[in-house]
């Protein structure tokens, strides 16, 4: 059994930044898909998508900065 620890409260590690980068990419793409489905027109506003991505990434980092450390137990299955 492996134990995975998240970053400590008031600290950020490499995984926080990696996940923040992923959130920064996924959020504006989902927003653009939703907006296109609502309006029926696919038009990309790159500045708006960049601002949405930046905001989502920073919000994720702020959330992790104030979240206490947690230990997650990962169970490995026996593979034959």
N, C-alpha and C. Protein backbone atom coordinates (compact mmCIF):
# COMPACT_ATOMS: atom_id res chain seq x y z
N UNK A 1 0.84 -1.17 0.00
CA UNK A 1 0.00 0.00 0.00
C UNK A 1 0.90 1.24 0.00
N UNK A 2 0.66 2.14 -0.94
CA UNK A 2 1.41 3.39 -1.01
C UNK A 2 0.63 4.50 -0.32
N UNK A 3 1.34 5.43 0.27
CA UNK A 3 0.70 6.60 0.88
C UNK A 3 1.15 7.83 0.10
N UNK A 4 0.18 8.56 -0.40
CA UNK A 4 0.44 9.78 -1.16
C UNK A 4 0.06 10.96 -0.28
N UNK A 5 0.95 11.92 -0.14
CA UNK A 5 0.66 13.11 0.67
C UNK A 5 0.50 14.32 -0.25
N UNK A 6 -0.51 15.11 0.05
CA UNK A 6 -0.68 16.36 -0.69
C UNK A 6 0.23 17.41 -0.06
N UNK A 7 0.34 18.56 -0.71
CA UNK A 7 1.22 19.61 -0.19
C UNK A 7 0.69 20.14 1.15
N UNK A 8 1.61 20.66 1.94
CA UNK A 8 1.25 21.20 3.26
C UNK A 8 0.44 22.48 3.10
N UNK A 9 -0.27 22.83 4.17
CA UNK A 9 -1.03 24.07 4.19
C UNK A 9 -0.05 25.24 4.08
N UNK A 10 -0.39 26.24 3.30
CA UNK A 10 0.43 27.44 3.02
C UNK A 10 1.70 27.10 2.24
N UNK A 11 1.64 26.03 1.43
CA UNK A 11 2.76 25.66 0.57
C UNK A 11 2.22 25.03 -0.71
N UNK A 12 2.99 25.14 -1.77
CA UNK A 12 2.63 24.54 -3.05
C UNK A 12 3.81 23.69 -3.53
N UNK A 13 3.51 22.57 -4.19
CA UNK A 13 4.57 21.74 -4.74
C UNK A 13 4.41 21.63 -6.26
N UNK A 14 5.27 20.82 -6.87
CA UNK A 14 5.27 20.69 -8.34
C UNK A 14 3.94 20.15 -8.87
N UNK A 15 3.35 19.21 -8.17
CA UNK A 15 2.09 18.63 -8.63
C UNK A 15 0.97 19.67 -8.62
N UNK A 16 0.99 20.59 -7.66
CA UNK A 16 -0.02 21.66 -7.64
C UNK A 16 0.08 22.51 -8.90
N UNK A 17 1.31 22.84 -9.29
CA UNK A 17 1.50 23.65 -10.49
C UNK A 17 1.14 22.88 -11.76
N UNK A 18 1.45 21.58 -11.78
CA UNK A 18 1.11 20.76 -12.95
C UNK A 18 -0.41 20.64 -13.10
N UNK A 19 -1.10 20.40 -12.00
CA UNK A 19 -2.57 20.31 -12.05
C UNK A 19 -3.19 21.66 -12.38
N UNK A 20 -2.60 22.73 -11.89
CA UNK A 20 -3.09 24.07 -12.21
C UNK A 20 -2.96 24.35 -13.69
N UNK A 21 -1.85 23.93 -14.30
CA UNK A 21 -1.66 24.09 -15.74
C UNK A 21 -2.72 23.32 -16.51
N UNK A 22 -3.02 22.12 -16.07
CA UNK A 22 -4.05 21.31 -16.72
C UNK A 22 -5.42 21.97 -16.60
N UNK A 23 -5.75 22.48 -15.44
CA UNK A 23 -7.02 23.19 -15.23
C UNK A 23 -7.07 24.43 -16.11
N UNK A 24 -5.92 25.12 -16.27
CA UNK A 24 -5.86 26.33 -17.09
C UNK A 24 -6.13 26.04 -18.57
N UNK A 25 -5.88 24.83 -18.99
CA UNK A 25 -6.14 24.46 -20.39
C UNK A 25 -7.56 23.94 -20.56
N UNK A 26 -8.01 23.11 -19.65
CA UNK A 26 -9.32 22.47 -19.78
C UNK A 26 -10.47 23.46 -19.61
N UNK A 27 -10.38 24.36 -18.64
CA UNK A 27 -11.49 25.27 -18.34
C UNK A 27 -11.89 26.14 -19.53
N UNK A 28 -10.97 26.85 -20.20
CA UNK A 28 -11.42 27.67 -21.33
C UNK A 28 -11.94 26.86 -22.51
N UNK A 29 -11.41 25.65 -22.69
CA UNK A 29 -11.91 24.80 -23.78
C UNK A 29 -13.36 24.41 -23.51
N UNK A 30 -13.65 24.00 -22.27
CA UNK A 30 -15.03 23.66 -21.92
C UNK A 30 -15.95 24.87 -22.02
N UNK A 31 -15.45 26.04 -21.62
CA UNK A 31 -16.24 27.26 -21.73
C UNK A 31 -16.57 27.56 -23.20
N UNK A 32 -15.58 27.42 -24.06
CA UNK A 32 -15.78 27.71 -25.48
C UNK A 32 -16.77 26.73 -26.11
N UNK A 33 -16.70 25.46 -25.72
CA UNK A 33 -17.65 24.47 -26.22
C UNK A 33 -19.06 24.83 -25.78
N UNK A 34 -19.22 25.18 -24.50
CA UNK A 34 -20.54 25.55 -23.99
C UNK A 34 -21.07 26.79 -24.70
N UNK A 35 -20.22 27.80 -24.87
CA UNK A 35 -20.64 29.03 -25.53
C UNK A 35 -21.04 28.76 -26.98
N UNK A 36 -20.30 27.91 -27.66
CA UNK A 36 -20.60 27.58 -29.05
C UNK A 36 -21.91 26.82 -29.19
N UNK A 37 -22.16 25.91 -28.26
CA UNK A 37 -23.41 25.17 -28.29
C UNK A 37 -24.61 26.08 -28.02
N UNK A 38 -24.44 27.05 -27.13
CA UNK A 38 -25.53 27.98 -26.82
C UNK A 38 -25.84 28.91 -27.97
N UNK A 39 -24.79 29.43 -28.62
CA UNK A 39 -25.00 30.42 -29.68
C UNK A 39 -25.13 29.81 -31.06
N UNK A 40 -24.62 28.62 -31.26
CA UNK A 40 -24.67 27.98 -32.57
C UNK A 40 -23.57 28.44 -33.50
N UNK A 41 -22.67 29.28 -33.02
CA UNK A 41 -21.56 29.81 -33.82
C UNK A 41 -20.26 29.52 -33.09
N UNK A 42 -19.26 29.03 -33.83
CA UNK A 42 -17.96 28.75 -33.22
C UNK A 42 -17.00 29.88 -33.58
N UNK A 43 -16.79 30.79 -32.65
CA UNK A 43 -15.86 31.90 -32.84
C UNK A 43 -14.99 31.98 -31.59
N UNK A 44 -13.68 31.92 -31.78
CA UNK A 44 -12.75 31.88 -30.66
C UNK A 44 -12.22 33.28 -30.36
N UNK A 45 -12.38 33.69 -29.11
CA UNK A 45 -11.81 34.94 -28.63
C UNK A 45 -10.61 34.54 -27.75
N UNK A 46 -9.40 34.62 -28.33
CA UNK A 46 -8.20 34.11 -27.66
C UNK A 46 -7.88 34.87 -26.38
N UNK A 47 -8.12 36.17 -26.36
CA UNK A 47 -7.83 36.95 -25.16
C UNK A 47 -8.74 36.51 -24.02
N UNK A 48 -10.02 36.32 -24.33
CA UNK A 48 -10.98 35.88 -23.32
C UNK A 48 -10.62 34.48 -22.83
N UNK A 49 -10.24 33.59 -23.73
CA UNK A 49 -9.87 32.24 -23.32
C UNK A 49 -8.62 32.25 -22.43
N UNK A 50 -7.67 33.12 -22.76
CA UNK A 50 -6.47 33.24 -21.93
C UNK A 50 -6.78 33.74 -20.54
N UNK A 51 -7.67 34.72 -20.45
CA UNK A 51 -8.04 35.26 -19.14
C UNK A 51 -8.80 34.23 -18.31
N UNK A 52 -9.66 33.47 -18.95
CA UNK A 52 -10.40 32.41 -18.24
C UNK A 52 -9.43 31.35 -17.74
N UNK A 53 -8.48 30.95 -18.56
CA UNK A 53 -7.49 29.95 -18.17
C UNK A 53 -6.62 30.44 -17.03
N UNK A 54 -6.18 31.69 -17.13
CA UNK A 54 -5.35 32.27 -16.07
C UNK A 54 -6.11 32.33 -14.75
N UNK A 55 -7.36 32.77 -14.82
CA UNK A 55 -8.18 32.85 -13.61
C UNK A 55 -8.42 31.48 -12.99
N UNK A 56 -8.69 30.48 -13.82
CA UNK A 56 -8.93 29.13 -13.30
C UNK A 56 -7.67 28.56 -12.66
N UNK A 57 -6.52 28.77 -13.30
CA UNK A 57 -5.26 28.26 -12.75
C UNK A 57 -4.90 28.92 -11.44
N UNK A 58 -5.05 30.23 -11.35
CA UNK A 58 -4.74 30.96 -10.12
C UNK A 58 -5.71 30.55 -9.01
N UNK A 59 -6.99 30.40 -9.35
CA UNK A 59 -7.98 29.99 -8.36
C UNK A 59 -7.63 28.61 -7.79
N UNK A 60 -7.17 27.69 -8.65
CA UNK A 60 -6.79 26.35 -8.20
C UNK A 60 -5.59 26.43 -7.26
N UNK A 61 -4.60 27.26 -7.60
CA UNK A 61 -3.43 27.41 -6.72
C UNK A 61 -3.81 28.01 -5.37
N UNK A 62 -4.69 29.00 -5.38
CA UNK A 62 -5.13 29.62 -4.12
C UNK A 62 -5.86 28.59 -3.27
N UNK A 63 -6.72 27.80 -3.89
CA UNK A 63 -7.45 26.76 -3.16
C UNK A 63 -6.48 25.77 -2.52
N UNK A 64 -5.47 25.33 -3.26
CA UNK A 64 -4.50 24.37 -2.72
C UNK A 64 -3.60 25.00 -1.67
N UNK A 65 -3.33 26.29 -1.78
CA UNK A 65 -2.48 26.98 -0.82
C UNK A 65 -3.12 26.96 0.57
N UNK A 66 -4.44 27.07 0.62
CA UNK A 66 -5.13 27.13 1.91
C UNK A 66 -5.72 25.79 2.36
N UNK A 67 -5.52 24.73 1.60
CA UNK A 67 -6.04 23.41 1.95
C UNK A 67 -5.00 22.65 2.76
N UNK A 68 -5.40 22.08 3.92
CA UNK A 68 -4.45 21.33 4.73
C UNK A 68 -3.97 20.06 4.04
N UNK A 69 -2.84 19.54 4.49
CA UNK A 69 -2.25 18.32 3.93
C UNK A 69 -3.13 17.12 4.25
N UNK A 70 -3.20 16.20 3.29
CA UNK A 70 -4.01 14.99 3.45
C UNK A 70 -3.17 13.80 3.01
N UNK A 71 -3.30 12.69 3.71
CA UNK A 71 -2.65 11.45 3.31
C UNK A 71 -3.68 10.57 2.62
N UNK A 72 -3.33 10.10 1.44
CA UNK A 72 -4.22 9.24 0.67
C UNK A 72 -3.57 7.87 0.56
N UNK A 73 -4.29 6.85 0.98
CA UNK A 73 -3.76 5.49 0.91
C UNK A 73 -4.17 4.88 -0.43
N UNK A 74 -3.18 4.47 -1.18
CA UNK A 74 -3.41 3.88 -2.50
C UNK A 74 -3.16 2.38 -2.39
N UNK A 75 -4.18 1.59 -2.70
CA UNK A 75 -4.09 0.14 -2.60
C UNK A 75 -3.67 -0.41 -3.95
N UNK A 76 -2.63 -1.23 -3.96
CA UNK A 76 -2.18 -1.87 -5.18
C UNK A 76 -2.81 -3.25 -5.28
N UNK A 77 -3.29 -3.56 -6.48
CA UNK A 77 -3.90 -4.87 -6.69
C UNK A 77 -2.83 -5.85 -7.17
N UNK A 78 -2.95 -7.10 -6.76
CA UNK A 78 -2.02 -8.13 -7.22
C UNK A 78 -2.40 -8.53 -8.64
N UNK A 79 -1.43 -8.46 -9.54
CA UNK A 79 -1.67 -8.82 -10.93
C UNK A 79 -0.86 -10.08 -11.23
N UNK A 80 -1.52 -11.07 -11.76
CA UNK A 80 -0.83 -12.33 -12.06
C UNK A 80 -0.71 -12.51 -13.54
